[in-house]
């Protein structure tokens, strides 16, 4: 599989700028972005071969990776664990406007879908 010059440029020039983004090159495999959780569980695989460098950069930033100005630039504290968003950075949940404060929940013993 030929590696597109766009992807190659991203890998060689852009990846060093992203905090917590690593490239593992598998010979002969199409380039894929593999998203891992904090526990290194695979969340998602995104094939990159058909994307332009610009699209890949946009995608990676939308996923929450922090892009540094230079490979050696310091990473702000709030981005140390990016893209895993810390719970404390999430906005508080909106107060429900309806009277019912909690949505109906099934009791743990029930399995209505079975």
N, C-alpha and C. Protein backbone atom coordinates (compact mmCIF):
# COMPACT_ATOMS: atom_id res chain seq x y z
N UNK A 1 0.85 -1.20 0.00
CA UNK A 1 0.00 0.00 0.00
C UNK A 1 0.88 1.24 0.00
N UNK A 2 0.71 2.09 -0.97
CA UNK A 2 1.51 3.30 -1.03
C UNK A 2 1.02 4.30 0.00
N UNK A 3 1.94 4.90 0.69
CA UNK A 3 1.57 5.88 1.70
C UNK A 3 1.48 7.25 1.02
N UNK A 4 0.37 7.91 1.23
CA UNK A 4 0.20 9.17 0.51
C UNK A 4 1.17 10.22 1.05
N UNK A 5 1.65 11.11 0.17
CA UNK A 5 2.58 12.15 0.65
C UNK A 5 1.95 13.04 1.72
N UNK A 6 0.62 13.19 1.64
CA UNK A 6 -0.07 14.00 2.65
C UNK A 6 0.08 13.37 4.04
N UNK A 7 -0.18 12.06 4.09
CA UNK A 7 -0.09 11.36 5.37
C UNK A 7 1.36 11.35 5.85
N UNK A 8 2.27 11.15 4.91
CA UNK A 8 3.68 11.12 5.28
C UNK A 8 4.13 12.46 5.87
N UNK A 9 3.65 13.55 5.27
CA UNK A 9 4.00 14.88 5.79
C UNK A 9 3.43 15.05 7.20
N UNK A 10 2.21 14.58 7.40
CA UNK A 10 1.61 14.67 8.73
C UNK A 10 2.45 13.90 9.74
N UNK A 11 2.82 12.67 9.36
CA UNK A 11 3.56 11.80 10.28
C UNK A 11 4.91 12.41 10.63
N UNK A 12 5.61 12.92 9.63
CA UNK A 12 6.97 13.38 9.90
C UNK A 12 7.01 14.78 10.48
N UNK A 13 6.07 15.63 10.09
CA UNK A 13 6.16 17.03 10.50
C UNK A 13 5.16 17.42 11.57
N UNK A 14 4.00 16.81 11.57
CA UNK A 14 2.96 17.24 12.50
C UNK A 14 2.93 16.42 13.79
N UNK A 15 3.11 15.13 13.68
CA UNK A 15 2.99 14.29 14.88
C UNK A 15 3.92 14.75 16.01
N UNK A 16 5.17 15.17 15.70
CA UNK A 16 6.02 15.61 16.81
C UNK A 16 5.46 16.80 17.58
N UNK A 17 4.53 17.53 16.97
CA UNK A 17 3.96 18.70 17.63
C UNK A 17 2.81 18.33 18.55
N UNK A 18 2.28 17.14 18.41
CA UNK A 18 1.11 16.78 19.21
C UNK A 18 1.52 16.05 20.47
N UNK A 19 0.97 16.52 21.57
CA UNK A 19 1.23 15.89 22.86
C UNK A 19 0.43 14.59 22.95
N UNK A 20 1.09 13.54 23.41
CA UNK A 20 0.44 12.23 23.61
C UNK A 20 0.00 11.57 22.32
N UNK A 21 0.53 12.01 21.19
CA UNK A 21 0.18 11.35 19.93
C UNK A 21 1.43 10.63 19.44
N UNK A 22 1.31 9.33 19.29
CA UNK A 22 2.47 8.56 18.85
C UNK A 22 2.13 7.83 17.58
N UNK A 23 3.14 7.65 16.76
CA UNK A 23 2.94 6.91 15.52
C UNK A 23 3.71 5.62 15.60
N UNK A 24 3.00 4.53 15.40
CA UNK A 24 3.68 3.25 15.29
C UNK A 24 3.53 2.83 13.84
N UNK A 25 4.63 2.72 13.16
CA UNK A 25 4.54 2.38 11.74
C UNK A 25 4.54 0.88 11.56
N UNK A 26 3.50 0.38 10.93
CA UNK A 26 3.44 -1.04 10.61
C UNK A 26 3.77 -1.19 9.13
N UNK A 27 4.86 -1.84 8.81
CA UNK A 27 5.25 -1.95 7.40
C UNK A 27 4.15 -2.57 6.57
N UNK A 28 3.84 -1.92 5.46
CA UNK A 28 2.85 -2.47 4.54
C UNK A 28 1.42 -2.20 4.93
N UNK A 29 1.19 -1.69 6.13
CA UNK A 29 -0.19 -1.43 6.55
C UNK A 29 -0.58 -0.01 6.16
N UNK A 30 -1.85 0.18 5.88
CA UNK A 30 -2.33 1.54 5.64
C UNK A 30 -2.24 2.31 6.95
N UNK A 31 -1.89 3.58 6.87
CA UNK A 31 -1.80 4.34 8.13
C UNK A 31 -3.18 4.51 8.76
N UNK A 32 -3.24 4.26 10.04
CA UNK A 32 -4.49 4.40 10.78
C UNK A 32 -4.20 5.17 12.05
N UNK A 33 -5.17 5.96 12.44
CA UNK A 33 -5.11 6.60 13.74
C UNK A 33 -5.87 5.70 14.70
N UNK A 34 -5.19 5.19 15.72
CA UNK A 34 -5.83 4.30 16.68
C UNK A 34 -5.98 5.06 17.98
N UNK A 35 -7.21 5.23 18.41
CA UNK A 35 -7.47 5.96 19.65
C UNK A 35 -7.49 4.98 20.81
N UNK A 36 -6.70 5.30 21.84
CA UNK A 36 -6.65 4.44 23.02
C UNK A 36 -7.19 5.21 24.22
N UNK A 37 -7.77 4.47 25.14
CA UNK A 37 -8.22 5.09 26.37
C UNK A 37 -7.02 5.20 27.32
N UNK A 38 -7.26 5.77 28.49
CA UNK A 38 -6.21 5.85 29.51
C UNK A 38 -5.68 4.46 29.85
N UNK A 39 -6.50 3.45 29.67
CA UNK A 39 -6.11 2.10 30.04
C UNK A 39 -5.60 1.34 28.82
N UNK A 40 -5.27 2.10 27.76
CA UNK A 40 -4.73 1.51 26.54
C UNK A 40 -5.68 0.52 25.90
N UNK A 41 -6.96 0.74 26.10
CA UNK A 41 -7.94 -0.05 25.35
C UNK A 41 -8.19 0.68 24.03
N UNK A 42 -8.30 -0.10 22.99
CA UNK A 42 -8.53 0.52 21.69
C UNK A 42 -9.97 1.01 21.61
N UNK A 43 -10.13 2.29 21.29
CA UNK A 43 -11.47 2.86 21.20
C UNK A 43 -11.94 2.89 19.76
N UNK A 44 -11.04 3.25 18.88
CA UNK A 44 -11.49 3.50 17.51
C UNK A 44 -10.28 3.48 16.59
N UNK A 45 -10.48 3.06 15.35
CA UNK A 45 -9.42 3.14 14.35
C UNK A 45 -9.92 4.00 13.20
N UNK A 46 -9.11 4.96 12.81
CA UNK A 46 -9.51 5.86 11.73
C UNK A 46 -8.48 5.74 10.61
N UNK A 47 -8.87 5.23 9.46
CA UNK A 47 -7.91 5.13 8.37
C UNK A 47 -7.56 6.51 7.83
N UNK A 48 -6.28 6.73 7.62
CA UNK A 48 -5.83 8.06 7.21
C UNK A 48 -5.47 8.14 5.74
N UNK A 49 -5.41 6.99 5.06
CA UNK A 49 -4.81 7.01 3.73
C UNK A 49 -5.54 7.91 2.75
N UNK A 50 -6.84 8.11 2.91
CA UNK A 50 -7.57 8.94 1.94
C UNK A 50 -7.69 10.39 2.38
N UNK A 51 -7.10 10.74 3.51
CA UNK A 51 -7.29 12.09 4.03
C UNK A 51 -6.10 12.98 3.66
N UNK A 52 -6.37 14.27 3.53
CA UNK A 52 -5.27 15.21 3.31
C UNK A 52 -4.64 15.54 4.66
N UNK A 53 -3.45 16.10 4.57
CA UNK A 53 -2.75 16.48 5.81
C UNK A 53 -3.60 17.45 6.63
N UNK A 54 -4.24 18.37 5.93
CA UNK A 54 -5.08 19.34 6.62
C UNK A 54 -6.24 18.65 7.36
N UNK A 55 -6.85 17.68 6.68
CA UNK A 55 -7.98 16.97 7.29
C UNK A 55 -7.52 16.19 8.52
N UNK A 56 -6.34 15.59 8.41
CA UNK A 56 -5.86 14.81 9.56
C UNK A 56 -5.59 15.73 10.74
N UNK A 57 -4.98 16.87 10.46
CA UNK A 57 -4.71 17.82 11.54
C UNK A 57 -5.99 18.28 12.21
N UNK A 58 -6.99 18.56 11.38
CA UNK A 58 -8.26 19.03 11.94
C UNK A 58 -8.89 17.92 12.79
N UNK A 59 -8.85 16.71 12.27
CA UNK A 59 -9.41 15.58 13.01
C UNK A 59 -8.73 15.40 14.36
N UNK A 60 -7.41 15.42 14.34
CA UNK A 60 -6.66 15.19 15.57
C UNK A 60 -6.96 16.27 16.60
N UNK A 61 -7.09 17.51 16.13
CA UNK A 61 -7.40 18.58 17.07
C UNK A 61 -8.83 18.48 17.58
N UNK A 62 -9.75 18.04 16.72
CA UNK A 62 -11.13 17.86 17.18
C UNK A 62 -11.19 16.76 18.24
N UNK A 63 -10.30 15.79 18.13
CA UNK A 63 -10.28 14.71 19.11
C UNK A 63 -9.70 15.18 20.44
N UNK A 64 -9.13 16.37 20.45
CA UNK A 64 -8.65 16.94 21.71
C UNK A 64 -7.15 16.88 21.90
N UNK A 65 -6.41 16.46 20.89
CA UNK A 65 -4.95 16.47 21.04
C UNK A 65 -4.45 17.90 21.04
N UNK A 66 -3.46 18.15 21.86
CA UNK A 66 -2.90 19.49 21.97
C UNK A 66 -1.73 19.63 21.01
N UNK A 67 -1.79 20.64 20.17
CA UNK A 67 -0.72 20.90 19.20
C UNK A 67 0.21 21.98 19.73
N UNK A 68 1.47 21.64 19.86
CA UNK A 68 2.46 22.58 20.38
C UNK A 68 2.99 23.45 19.24
N UNK A 69 3.56 24.58 19.60
CA UNK A 69 4.16 25.46 18.59
C UNK A 69 5.40 24.80 17.99
N UNK A 70 6.20 24.19 18.83
CA UNK A 70 7.39 23.47 18.39
C UNK A 70 7.42 22.15 19.14
N UNK A 71 8.15 21.16 18.63
CA UNK A 71 8.17 19.87 19.32
C UNK A 71 8.63 19.96 20.77
N UNK A 72 9.46 20.96 21.09
CA UNK A 72 9.98 21.06 22.45
C UNK A 72 9.21 22.03 23.33
N UNK A 73 8.17 22.62 22.79
CA UNK A 73 7.42 23.61 23.57
C UNK A 73 6.76 22.93 24.77
N UNK A 74 6.65 23.64 25.89
CA UNK A 74 5.98 23.05 27.06
C UNK A 74 4.49 22.86 26.80
N UNK A 75 3.92 21.91 27.48
CA UNK A 75 2.50 21.63 27.34
C UNK A 75 1.78 22.20 28.56
N UNK A 76 0.76 23.03 28.35
CA UNK A 76 0.01 23.57 29.50
C UNK A 76 -0.54 22.44 30.37
N UNK A 77 -0.62 22.72 31.65
CA UNK A 77 -1.01 21.68 32.60
C UNK A 77 -2.34 21.03 32.23
N UNK A 78 -3.28 21.87 31.77
CA UNK A 78 -4.61 21.29 31.50
C UNK A 78 -4.59 20.35 30.30
N UNK A 79 -3.49 20.37 29.53
CA UNK A 79 -3.42 19.48 28.37
C UNK A 79 -2.46 18.31 28.61
N UNK A 80 -1.95 18.18 29.82
CA UNK A 80 -0.98 17.12 30.07
C UNK A 80 -1.55 15.75 29.74
N UNK A 81 -2.84 15.57 30.01
CA UNK A 81 -3.45 14.26 29.77
C UNK A 81 -4.32 14.26 28.53
N UNK A 82 -4.27 15.35 27.75
CA UNK A 82 -5.07 15.39 26.53
C UNK A 82 -4.61 14.24 25.64
N UNK A 83 -5.53 13.65 24.88
CA UNK A 83 -6.91 14.08 24.67
C UNK A 83 -7.90 13.54 25.68
N UNK A 84 -7.43 12.77 26.68
CA UNK A 84 -8.39 12.27 27.67
C UNK A 84 -8.85 13.47 28.47
N UNK A 85 -10.08 13.86 28.28
CA UNK A 85 -10.56 15.06 28.95
C UNK A 85 -10.86 14.72 30.41
N UNK A 86 -10.29 15.49 31.30
CA UNK A 86 -10.53 15.24 32.71
C UNK A 86 -11.95 15.66 33.05
N UNK A 87 -12.56 14.92 33.96
CA UNK A 87 -13.96 15.21 34.29
C UNK A 87 -14.12 16.61 34.84
N UNK A 88 -13.10 17.10 35.53
CA UNK A 88 -13.25 18.41 36.16
C UNK A 88 -13.35 19.53 35.13
N UNK A 89 -12.97 19.26 33.88
CA UNK A 89 -13.04 20.32 32.88
C UNK A 89 -14.39 20.37 32.19
N UNK A 90 -15.25 19.41 32.48
CA UNK A 90 -16.55 19.39 31.81
C UNK A 90 -17.45 20.45 32.43
N UNK A 91 -18.28 21.09 31.61
CA UNK A 91 -19.21 22.07 32.19
C UNK A 91 -20.22 21.35 33.08
N UNK A 92 -20.76 22.05 34.07
CA UNK A 92 -21.76 21.41 34.94
C UNK A 92 -22.98 21.03 34.12
N UNK A 93 -23.63 19.94 34.47
CA UNK A 93 -24.81 19.53 33.71
C UNK A 93 -25.90 20.58 33.80
N UNK A 94 -26.63 20.74 32.72
CA UNK A 94 -27.72 21.71 32.72
C UNK A 94 -28.82 21.23 33.67
N UNK A 95 -29.39 22.16 34.39
CA UNK A 95 -30.51 21.79 35.25
C UNK A 95 -31.71 21.46 34.37
N UNK A 96 -32.34 20.33 34.63
CA UNK A 96 -33.49 19.98 33.78
C UNK A 96 -34.62 20.97 33.98
N UNK A 97 -35.30 21.30 32.89
CA UNK A 97 -36.39 22.27 32.99
C UNK A 97 -37.69 21.59 33.39
N UNK A 98 -37.75 20.27 33.24
CA UNK A 98 -38.99 19.57 33.60
C UNK A 98 -39.02 19.32 35.10
N UNK A 99 -40.18 18.89 35.58
CA UNK A 99 -40.32 18.65 37.01
C UNK A 99 -39.56 17.40 37.44
N UNK A 100 -39.51 16.40 36.56
CA UNK A 100 -38.86 15.16 36.96
C UNK A 100 -37.35 15.38 36.95
N UNK A 101 -36.73 15.21 38.09
CA UNK A 101 -35.30 15.50 38.20
C UNK A 101 -34.45 14.39 37.59
N UNK A 102 -34.93 13.17 37.67
CA UNK A 102 -34.13 12.07 37.14
C UNK A 102 -34.92 11.33 36.09
N UNK A 103 -34.27 10.95 35.00
CA UNK A 103 -34.97 10.14 34.00
C UNK A 103 -35.29 8.78 34.59
N UNK A 104 -36.36 8.13 34.12
CA UNK A 104 -36.69 6.82 34.69
C UNK A 104 -35.55 5.85 34.44
N UNK A 105 -35.15 5.17 35.49
CA UNK A 105 -34.06 4.19 35.34
C UNK A 105 -34.62 2.81 35.60
N UNK A 106 -34.10 1.83 34.89
CA UNK A 106 -34.49 0.46 35.18
C UNK A 106 -33.71 -0.01 36.40
N UNK A 107 -34.38 -0.80 37.22
CA UNK A 107 -33.68 -1.35 38.37
C UNK A 107 -32.58 -2.27 37.86
N UNK A 108 -31.54 -2.42 38.68
CA UNK A 108 -30.40 -3.19 38.22
C UNK A 108 -30.75 -4.63 37.91
N UNK A 109 -31.76 -5.15 38.61
CA UNK A 109 -32.09 -6.56 38.39
C UNK A 109 -32.80 -6.81 37.07
N UNK A 110 -33.36 -5.78 36.48
CA UNK A 110 -34.16 -5.97 35.27
C UNK A 110 -33.30 -5.98 34.02
N UNK A 111 -33.72 -6.78 33.08
CA UNK A 111 -33.06 -6.77 31.76
C UNK A 111 -34.14 -6.73 30.71
N UNK A 112 -34.76 -5.58 30.50
CA UNK A 112 -35.91 -5.54 29.59
C UNK A 112 -35.52 -5.89 28.16
N UNK A 113 -34.21 -5.72 27.83
CA UNK A 113 -33.86 -5.97 26.43
C UNK A 113 -33.63 -7.44 26.13
N UNK A 114 -33.57 -8.26 27.18
CA UNK A 114 -33.31 -9.68 26.93
C UNK A 114 -34.58 -10.38 26.47
